[in-house]
Amino acid sequence: MKEVRYFFVPNANVEKELPIEEAIHALRVLRLKEGDEIFLMDGEGCFYQAEVSLATSKKCFYTIKQVLKQEPTWHGRIHLAIAPTKDMGRMEWMTEKATEIGFDEITFLNCKFSERKVLRTDRIEKIVVSAMKQSHKAWKPIVNDMTPFCNFIDNHTCDGQKYICHCYSEILKDDFFSLINSSSESTHLASEDDHSLNNDITVLVGPEGDFSIEEVRYAINHGFKSVTLGNSRLRTETAGLSAVMMSQLARRV
């Protein structure tokens, strides 16, 4: 089977040259030359069948042969807002796997019990792009900077469903997967012209010590539903990945 080579090129239909990092990989690692077939992805829903038109020591130019518009494989948008762990390797692993599974946006939260207050989103961006190419995803997930918890709650506008996962026994919780499954079934019963129901999901996952109880109540008072991801107590990155997987299963086309 012929190997398919994918490269991430924002505005691929406008540009005629691979970005520098992609060009280095194409020329020095894959040793592509004029006439070789490549595939481009713009991160906005299109693949492009292309051909290397010129390869120099540092630059790789291409000609587009065919535009391959992709169809979404899940309904709505899946947005994970999560407090990063002290060990960024765990967050990087989670982001990579969540991208492979498929989601639309990630925001990192600065919470009361957060172990990490800063992070490098540029590194997360590179991991997302690599995972997107590996898993042949047509849309690139948005990576947002670290955001204070209350700022996220105050400024988040979402016409869909909003959830906060936590472990407090004194606050009533519903099962996350059951809720999003029931909302999906209701949406599928609605007509295509009925926009009263929205498939978007925003789900919040806290740090290793959980959200503070005040944060949970603040989110609930701002329209977030109190949920649990199951009976097991999960690590932060496991909880985040589980939430994305459950959202995918409920919203897949």
C-alpha atoms as a PDB file:
ATOM      1  CA  MET A   1       0.000   0.000   0.000  1.00  0.00           C
ATOM      2  CA  LYS A   2       1.380   3.382  -1.004  1.00  0.00           C
ATOM      3  CA  GLU A   3       2.253   5.652   1.917  1.00  0.00           C
ATOM      4  CA  VAL A   4       0.108   8.784   2.176  1.00  0.00           C
ATOM      5  CA  ARG A   5       2.052  11.822   3.381  1.00  0.00           C
ATOM      6  CA  TYR A   6       0.013  14.522   5.158  1.00  0.00           C
ATOM      7  CA  PHE A   7       1.252  18.052   5.870  1.00  0.00           C
ATOM      8  CA  PHE A   8      -0.462  20.784   7.870  1.00  0.00           C
ATOM      9  CA  VAL A   9      -0.707  23.951   5.773  1.00  0.00           C
ATOM     10  CA  PRO A  10      -3.065  26.705   7.009  1.00  0.00           C
ATOM     11  CA  ASN A  11      -4.648  28.454   3.998  1.00  0.00           C
ATOM     12  CA  ALA A  12      -3.336  25.662   1.799  1.00  0.00           C
ATOM     13  CA  ASN A  13      -5.514  26.784  -1.120  1.00  0.00           C
ATOM     14  CA  VAL A  14      -3.854  30.219  -1.046  1.00  0.00           C
ATOM     15  CA  GLU A  15      -0.273  29.301  -0.184  1.00  0.00           C
ATOM     16  CA  LYS A  16       1.993  27.468  -2.651  1.00  0.00           C
ATOM     17  CA  GLU A  17       4.804  26.538  -0.259  1.00  0.00           C
ATOM     18  CA  LEU A  18       5.021  24.233   2.763  1.00  0.00           C
ATOM     19  CA  PRO A  19       5.660  25.959   6.116  1.00  0.00           C
ATOM     20  CA  ILE A  20       9.306  25.777   7.174  1.00  0.00           C
ATOM     21  CA  GLU A  21       8.919  22.903   9.673  1.00  0.00           C
ATOM     22  CA  GLU A  22       6.845  20.871   7.235  1.00  0.00           C
ATOM     23  CA  ALA A  23       9.312  21.606   4.440  1.00  0.00           C
ATOM     24  CA  ILE A  24      12.247  20.386   6.558  1.00  0.00           C
ATOM     25  CA  HIS A  25      10.409  17.135   7.263  1.00  0.00           C
ATOM     26  CA  ALA A  26       9.456  16.705   3.604  1.00  0.00           C
ATOM     27  CA  LEU A  27      12.941  17.418   2.258  1.00  0.00           C
ATOM     28  CA  ARG A  28      15.356  16.093   4.874  1.00  0.00           C
ATOM     29  CA  VAL A  29      13.388  13.202   6.382  1.00  0.00           C
ATOM     30  CA  LEU A  30      11.142  11.985   3.580  1.00  0.00           C
ATOM     31  CA  ARG A  31      13.492  13.238   0.831  1.00  0.00           C
ATOM     32  CA  LEU A  32      10.625  14.257  -1.419  1.00  0.00           C
ATOM     33  CA  LYS A  33      11.388  15.519  -4.881  1.00  0.00           C
ATOM     34  CA  GLU A  34       9.606  17.190  -7.764  1.00  0.00           C
ATOM     35  CA  GLY A  35       6.627  15.157  -8.952  1.00  0.00           C
ATOM     36  CA  ASP A  36       6.007  13.336  -5.652  1.00  0.00           C
ATOM     37  CA  GLU A  37       2.404  13.202  -4.444  1.00  0.00           C
ATOM     38  CA  ILE A  38       1.525  14.739  -1.074  1.00  0.00           C
ATOM     39  CA  PHE A  39      -1.675  15.515   0.822  1.00  0.00           C
ATOM     40  CA  LEU A  40      -2.273  18.762   2.656  1.00  0.00           C
ATOM     41  CA  MET A  41      -4.712  19.573   5.455  1.00  0.00           C
ATOM     42  CA  ASP A  42      -5.741  23.132   6.298  1.00  0.00           C
ATOM     43  CA  GLY A  43      -7.277  22.392   9.707  1.00  0.00           C
ATOM     44  CA  GLU A  44     -10.568  23.903   8.561  1.00  0.00           C
ATOM     45  CA  GLY A  45     -12.240  20.908   6.945  1.00  0.00           C
ATOM     46  CA  CYS A  46     -10.364  20.349   3.690  1.00  0.00           C
ATOM     47  CA  PHE A  47      -7.701  17.954   2.441  1.00  0.00           C
ATOM     48  CA  TYR A  48      -5.803  18.703  -0.755  1.00  0.00           C
ATOM     49  CA  GLN A  49      -4.229  16.227  -3.127  1.00  0.00           C
ATOM     50  CA  ALA A  50      -1.077  17.963  -4.329  1.00  0.00           C
ATOM     51  CA  GLU A  51       2.208  17.435  -6.120  1.00  0.00           C
ATOM     52  CA  VAL A  52       5.653  18.751  -5.282  1.00  0.00           C
ATOM     53  CA  SER A  53       6.389  21.323  -7.989  1.00  0.00           C
ATOM     54  CA  LEU A  54       9.803  22.473  -6.773  1.00  0.00           C
ATOM     55  CA  ALA A  55      12.124  21.149  -4.056  1.00  0.00           C
ATOM     56  CA  THR A  56      15.223  23.071  -3.031  1.00  0.00           C
ATOM     57  CA  SER A  57      17.504  22.592  -0.035  1.00  0.00           C
ATOM     58  CA  LYS A  58      15.140  24.535   2.260  1.00  0.00           C
ATOM     59  CA  LYS A  59      11.900  25.143   0.364  1.00  0.00           C
ATOM     60  CA  CYS A  60       9.159  22.859  -0.915  1.00  0.00           C
ATOM     61  CA  PHE A  61       6.586  24.230  -3.333  1.00  0.00           C
ATOM     62  CA  TYR A  62       3.432  22.394  -4.372  1.00  0.00           C
ATOM     63  CA  THR A  63       0.612  22.446  -6.916  1.00  0.00           C
ATOM     64  CA  ILE A  64      -2.900  21.460  -5.831  1.00  0.00           C
ATOM     65  CA  LYS A  65      -4.468  18.774  -8.011  1.00  0.00           C
ATOM     66  CA  GLN A  66      -7.731  18.195  -6.170  1.00  0.00           C
ATOM     67  CA  VAL A  67      -9.679  19.697  -3.250  1.00  0.00           C
ATOM     68  CA  LEU A  68     -11.136  17.037  -0.953  1.00  0.00           C
ATOM     69  CA  LYS A  69     -13.761  18.627   1.288  1.00  0.00           C
ATOM     70  CA  GLN A  70     -14.400  16.548   4.401  1.00  0.00           C
ATOM     71  CA  GLU A  71     -17.624  15.948   6.317  1.00  0.00           C
ATOM     72  CA  PRO A  72     -17.721  16.195  10.120  1.00  0.00           C
ATOM     73  CA  THR A  73     -17.727  12.840  11.896  1.00  0.00           C
ATOM     74  CA  TRP A  74     -19.465  14.134  15.028  1.00  0.00           C
ATOM     75  CA  HIS A  75     -22.315  16.533  15.713  1.00  0.00           C
ATOM     76  CA  GLY A  76     -21.683  19.925  17.303  1.00  0.00           C
ATOM     77  CA  ARG A  77     -18.532  21.100  19.045  1.00  0.00           C
ATOM     78  CA  ILE A  78     -16.751  19.373  21.924  1.00  0.00           C
ATOM     79  CA  HIS A  79     -14.920  21.788  24.237  1.00  0.00           C
ATOM     80  CA  LEU A  80     -12.820  20.462  27.127  1.00  0.00           C
ATOM     81  CA  ALA A  81     -11.826  22.931  29.857  1.00  0.00           C
ATOM     82  CA  ILE A  82      -9.333  21.327  32.219  1.00  0.00           C
ATOM     83  CA  ALA A  83      -6.913  22.292  34.992  1.00  0.00           C
ATOM     84  CA  PRO A  84      -3.428  21.120  33.919  1.00  0.00           C
ATOM     85  CA  THR A  85      -1.426  18.774  36.103  1.00  0.00           C
ATOM     86  CA  LYS A  86       1.939  19.700  37.597  1.00  0.00           C
ATOM     87  CA  ASP A  87       3.577  17.168  35.259  1.00  0.00           C
ATOM     88  CA  MET A  88       2.914  18.626  31.794  1.00  0.00           C
ATOM     89  CA  GLY A  89       3.793  15.295  30.200  1.00  0.00           C
ATOM     90  CA  ARG A  90       0.457  13.970  31.402  1.00  0.00           C
ATOM     91  CA  MET A  91      -1.424  16.886  29.835  1.00  0.00           C
ATOM     92  CA  GLU A  92       0.508  16.542  26.599  1.00  0.00           C
ATOM     93  CA  TRP A  93      -0.363  12.847  26.439  1.00  0.00           C
ATOM     94  CA  MET A  94      -4.032  13.597  27.081  1.00  0.00           C
ATOM     95  CA  THR A  95      -4.153  16.341  24.452  1.00  0.00           C
ATOM     96  CA  GLU A  96      -2.543  14.064  21.881  1.00  0.00           C
ATOM     97  CA  LYS A  97      -5.008  11.242  22.511  1.00  0.00           C
ATOM     98  CA  ALA A  98      -8.012  13.583  22.667  1.00  0.00           C
ATOM     99  CA  THR A  99      -7.008  14.975  19.269  1.00  0.00           C
ATOM    100  CA  GLU A 100      -6.756  11.474  17.838  1.00  0.00           C
ATOM    101  CA  ILE A 101     -10.214  10.639  19.200  1.00  0.00           C
ATOM    102  CA  GLY A 102     -11.600  13.973  18.033  1.00  0.00           C
ATOM    103  CA  PHE A 103     -12.612  17.187  19.770  1.00  0.00           C
ATOM    104  CA  ASP A 104     -12.816  20.868  18.837  1.00  0.00           C
ATOM    105  CA  GLU A 105     -11.314  23.012  21.572  1.00  0.00           C
ATOM    106  CA  ILE A 106      -9.309  22.882  24.793  1.00  0.00           C
ATOM    107  CA  THR A 107      -8.979  25.545  27.466  1.00  0.00           C
ATOM    108  CA  PHE A 108      -6.621  25.222  30.424  1.00  0.00           C
ATOM    109  CA  LEU A 109      -8.076  26.421  33.721  1.00  0.00           C
ATOM    110  CA  ASN A 110      -6.338  28.128  36.630  1.00  0.00           C
ATOM    111  CA  CYS A 111      -8.329  26.930  39.641  1.00  0.00           C
ATOM    112  CA  LYS A 112      -8.051  27.350  43.395  1.00  0.00           C
ATOM    113  CA  PHE A 113      -6.303  23.985  43.826  1.00  0.00           C
ATOM    114  CA  SER A 114      -4.360  24.029  40.555  1.00  0.00           C
ATOM    115  CA  GLU A 115      -0.823  22.637  40.770  1.00  0.00           C
ATOM    116  CA  ARG A 116       0.271  24.474  37.634  1.00  0.00           C
ATOM    117  CA  LYS A 117      -0.394  28.160  36.951  1.00  0.00           C
ATOM    118  CA  VAL A 118       1.425  28.601  33.602  1.00  0.00           C
ATOM    119  CA  LEU A 119       2.035  26.474  30.529  1.00  0.00           C
ATOM    120  CA  ARG A 120       3.430  26.718  27.003  1.00  0.00           C
ATOM    121  CA  THR A 121       0.571  26.615  24.553  1.00  0.00           C
ATOM    122  CA  ASP A 122       3.028  26.624  21.637  1.00  0.00           C
ATOM    123  CA  ARG A 123       4.192  23.150  22.663  1.00  0.00           C
ATOM    124  CA  ILE A 124       0.582  21.964  22.990  1.00  0.00           C
ATOM    125  CA  GLU A 125      -0.114  23.374  19.515  1.00  0.00           C
ATOM    126  CA  LYS A 126       2.696  21.263  18.024  1.00  0.00           C
ATOM    127  CA  ILE A 127       1.372  18.142  19.728  1.00  0.00           C
ATOM    128  CA  VAL A 128      -2.135  18.853  18.410  1.00  0.00           C
ATOM    129  CA  VAL A 129      -0.880  19.310  14.835  1.00  0.00           C
ATOM    130  CA  SER A 130       1.167  16.105  15.000  1.00  0.00           C
ATOM    131  CA  ALA A 131      -1.791  14.114  16.337  1.00  0.00           C
ATOM    132  CA  MET A 132      -4.116  15.681  13.767  1.00  0.00           C
ATOM    133  CA  LYS A 133      -1.842  14.535  10.936  1.00  0.00           C
ATOM    134  CA  GLN A 134      -1.395  11.084  12.464  1.00  0.00           C
ATOM    135  CA  SER A 135      -5.148  10.518  12.829  1.00  0.00           C
ATOM    136  CA  HIS A 136      -6.128  12.317   9.584  1.00  0.00           C
ATOM    137  CA  LYS A 137      -8.400  14.851  11.260  1.00  0.00           C
ATOM    138  CA  ALA A 138      -9.695  17.555   8.934  1.00  0.00           C
ATOM    139  CA  TRP A 139     -10.253  20.137  11.671  1.00  0.00           C
ATOM    140  CA  LYS A 140      -7.550  21.399  14.015  1.00  0.00           C
ATOM    141  CA  PRO A 141      -8.645  21.774  17.657  1.00  0.00           C
ATOM    142  CA  ILE A 142      -8.352  25.283  19.095  1.00  0.00           C
ATOM    143  CA  VAL A 143      -5.833  25.599  21.941  1.00  0.00           C
ATOM    144  CA  ASN A 144      -6.573  28.414  24.390  1.00  0.00           C
ATOM    145  CA  ASP A 145      -4.261  30.003  26.937  1.00  0.00           C
ATOM    146  CA  MET A 146      -4.496  29.418  30.676  1.00  0.00           C
ATOM    147  CA  THR A 147      -7.666  31.121  31.930  1.00  0.00           C
ATOM    148  CA  PRO A 148      -8.754  31.881  35.513  1.00  0.00           C
ATOM    149  CA  PHE A 149     -11.709  29.656  36.422  1.00  0.00           C
ATOM    150  CA  CYS A 150     -14.193  32.444  37.164  1.00  0.00           C
ATOM    151  CA  ASN A 151     -13.204  34.343  34.010  1.00  0.00           C
ATOM    152  CA  PHE A 152     -13.946  31.250  31.936  1.00  0.00           C
ATOM    153  CA  ILE A 153     -17.345  30.776  33.580  1.00  0.00           C
ATOM    154  CA  ASP A 154     -18.254  34.475  33.256  1.00  0.00           C
ATOM    155  CA  ASN A 155     -17.195  34.816  29.621  1.00  0.00           C
ATOM    156  CA  HIS A 156     -18.150  31.411  28.218  1.00  0.00           C
ATOM    157  CA  THR A 157     -21.049  31.634  25.810  1.00  0.00           C
ATOM    158  CA  CYS A 158     -22.416  28.325  24.586  1.00  0.00           C
ATOM    159  CA  ASP A 159     -25.849  27.562  23.184  1.00  0.00           C
ATOM    160  CA  GLY A 160     -25.315  23.878  23.899  1.00  0.00           C
ATOM    161  CA  GLN A 161     -24.907  21.874  27.080  1.00  0.00           C
ATOM    162  CA  LYS A 162     -22.445  22.863  29.835  1.00  0.00           C
ATOM    163  CA  TYR A 163     -21.180  20.444  32.484  1.00  0.00           C
ATOM    164  CA  ILE A 164     -18.826  20.461  35.450  1.00  0.00           C
ATOM    165  CA  CYS A 165     -17.357  17.166  36.704  1.00  0.00           C
ATOM    166  CA  HIS A 166     -16.581  16.884  40.410  1.00  0.00           C
ATOM    167  CA  CYS A 167     -16.484  14.448  43.344  1.00  0.00           C
ATOM    168  CA  TYR A 168     -18.429  16.292  46.077  1.00  0.00           C
ATOM    169  CA  SER A 169     -21.008  13.956  47.643  1.00  0.00           C
ATOM    170  CA  GLU A 170     -22.958  16.847  49.159  1.00  0.00           C
ATOM    171  CA  ILE A 171     -23.811  18.241  45.707  1.00  0.00           C
ATOM    172  CA  LEU A 172     -26.259  16.260  43.605  1.00  0.00           C
ATOM    173  CA  LYS A 173     -24.669  14.888  40.425  1.00  0.00           C
ATOM    174  CA  ASP A 174     -26.078  13.233  37.320  1.00  0.00           C
ATOM    175  CA  ASP A 175     -24.255  10.754  35.131  1.00  0.00           C
ATOM    176  CA  PHE A 176     -22.481  12.686  32.352  1.00  0.00           C
ATOM    177  CA  PHE A 177     -22.789   9.990  29.685  1.00  0.00           C
ATOM    178  CA  SER A 178     -26.494   9.443  30.385  1.00  0.00           C
ATOM    179  CA  LEU A 179     -27.208  13.171  30.102  1.00  0.00           C
ATOM    180  CA  ILE A 180     -25.402  13.712  26.811  1.00  0.00           C
ATOM    181  CA  ASN A 181     -26.893  10.522  25.380  1.00  0.00           C
ATOM    182  CA  SER A 182     -30.419  11.652  26.225  1.00  0.00           C
ATOM    183  CA  SER A 183     -29.800  15.089  24.709  1.00  0.00           C
ATOM    184  CA  SER A 184     -28.437  13.428  21.547  1.00  0.00           C
ATOM    185  CA  GLU A 185     -31.530  11.244  21.213  1.00  0.00           C
ATOM    186  CA  SER A 186     -33.756  14.313  21.590  1.00  0.00           C
ATOM    187  CA  THR A 187     -31.773  16.173  18.938  1.00  0.00           C
ATOM    188  CA  HIS A 188     -31.996  13.282  16.477  1.00  0.00           C
ATOM    189  CA  LEU A 189     -35.784  13.273  16.882  1.00  0.00           C
ATOM    190  CA  ALA A 190     -35.960  16.990  16.041  1.00  0.00           C
ATOM    191  CA  SER A 191     -36.349  18.087  12.448  1.00  0.00           C
ATOM    192  CA  GLU A 192     -33.396  19.497  10.522  1.00  0.00           C
ATOM    193  CA  ASP A 193     -35.039  22.940  10.616  1.00  0.00           C
ATOM    194  CA  ASP A 194     -35.420  22.888  14.404  1.00  0.00           C
ATOM    195  CA  HIS A 195     -32.496  24.783  15.915  1.00  0.00           C
ATOM    196  CA  SER A 196     -33.872  24.843  19.470  1.00  0.00           C
ATOM    197  CA  LEU A 197     -31.540  21.996  20.387  1.00  0.00           C
ATOM    198  CA  ASN A 198     -27.786  22.337  20.115  1.00  0.00           C
ATOM    199  CA  ASN A 199     -25.228  19.549  20.009  1.00  0.00           C
ATOM    200  CA  ASP A 200     -22.348  21.581  21.483  1.00  0.00           C
ATOM    201  CA  ILE A 201     -20.795  20.192  24.662  1.00  0.00           C
ATOM    202  CA  THR A 202     -18.570  22.081  27.111  1.00  0.00           C
ATOM    203  CA  VAL A 203     -17.231  19.967  29.968  1.00  0.00           C
ATOM    204  CA  LEU A 204     -15.061  21.110  32.880  1.00  0.00           C
ATOM    205  CA  VAL A 205     -12.518  18.851  34.618  1.00  0.00           C
ATOM    206  CA  GLY A 206     -10.692  20.000  37.730  1.00  0.00           C
ATOM    207  CA  PRO A 207      -7.167  19.528  39.130  1.00  0.00           C
ATOM    208  CA  GLU A 208      -5.957  16.523  41.140  1.00  0.00           C
ATOM    209  CA  GLY A 209      -7.506  17.992  44.293  1.00  0.00           C
ATOM    210  CA  ASP A 210     -10.779  18.661  42.443  1.00  0.00           C
ATOM    211  CA  PHE A 211     -12.420  22.036  42.027  1.00  0.00           C
ATOM    212  CA  SER A 212     -13.154  23.871  45.256  1.00  0.00           C
ATOM    213  CA  ILE A 213     -16.763  23.467  46.345  1.00  0.00           C
ATOM    214  CA  GLU A 214     -17.201  27.214  45.817  1.00  0.00           C
ATOM    215  CA  GLU A 215     -16.067  26.846  42.196  1.00  0.00           C
ATOM    216  CA  VAL A 216     -18.530  24.015  41.612  1.00  0.00           C
ATOM    217  CA  ARG A 217     -21.400  26.063  43.025  1.00  0.00           C
ATOM    218  CA  TYR A 218     -20.308  29.107  41.020  1.00  0.00           C
ATOM    219  CA  ALA A 219     -20.431  27.098  37.788  1.00  0.00           C
ATOM    220  CA  ILE A 220     -23.817  25.602  38.664  1.00  0.00           C
ATOM    221  CA  ASN A 221     -25.189  29.085  39.360  1.00  0.00           C
ATOM    222  CA  HIS A 222     -24.038  30.052  35.855  1.00  0.00           C
ATOM    223  CA  GLY A 223     -25.854  27.265  34.060  1.00  0.00           C
ATOM    224  CA  PHE A 224     -23.389  24.364  34.263  1.00  0.00           C
ATOM    225  CA  LYS A 225     -24.852  20.970  35.136  1.00  0.00           C
ATOM    226  CA  SER A 226     -23.277  18.982  37.973  1.00  0.00           C
ATOM    227  CA  VAL A 227     -22.074  15.583  36.700  1.00  0.00           C
ATOM    228  CA  THR A 228     -19.968  12.541  37.464  1.00  0.00           C
ATOM    229  CA  LEU A 229     -17.896  10.479  35.029  1.00  0.00           C
ATOM    230  CA  GLY A 230     -18.594   7.231  36.927  1.00  0.00           C
ATOM    231  CA  ASN A 231     -17.898   5.488  40.200  1.00  0.00           C
ATOM    232  CA  SER A 232     -14.100   5.432  39.894  1.00  0.00           C
ATOM    233  CA  ARG A 233     -11.960   8.329  41.081  1.00  0.00           C
ATOM    234  CA  LEU A 234      -9.942   9.322  38.037  1.00  0.00           C
ATOM    235  CA  ARG A 235      -6.705  11.204  37.558  1.00  0.00           C
ATOM    236  CA  THR A 236      -7.125  14.560  35.843  1.00  0.00           C
ATOM    237  CA  GLU A 237      -5.838  13.468  32.439  1.00  0.00           C
ATOM    238  CA  THR A 238      -7.892  10.245  32.570  1.00  0.00           C
ATOM    239  CA  ALA A 239     -11.019  12.221  33.435  1.00  0.00           C
ATOM    240  CA  GLY A 240     -10.397  14.663  30.581  1.00  0.00           C
ATOM    241  CA  LEU A 241      -9.872  11.894  28.065  1.00  0.00           C
ATOM    242  CA  SER A 242     -12.922  10.010  29.345  1.00  0.00           C
ATOM    243  CA  ALA A 243     -15.079  13.114  28.947  1.00  0.00           C
ATOM    244  CA  VAL A 244     -13.920  13.555  25.350  1.00  0.00           C
ATOM    245  CA  MET A 245     -14.497   9.882  24.553  1.00  0.00           C
ATOM    246  CA  MET A 246     -17.992   9.921  26.048  1.00  0.00           C
ATOM    247  CA  SER A 247     -18.824  13.102  24.118  1.00  0.00           C
ATOM    248  CA  GLN A 248     -17.588  11.472  20.914  1.00  0.00           C
ATOM    249  CA  LEU A 249     -19.704   8.364  21.450  1.00  0.00           C
ATOM    250  CA  ALA A 250     -22.793  10.468  22.091  1.00  0.00           C
ATOM    251  CA  ARG A 251     -22.261  12.883  19.220  1.00  0.00           C
ATOM    252  CA  ARG A 252     -20.774  10.702  16.467  1.00  0.00           C
ATOM    253  CA  VAL A 253     -22.457  10.831  13.060  1.00  0.00           C
END
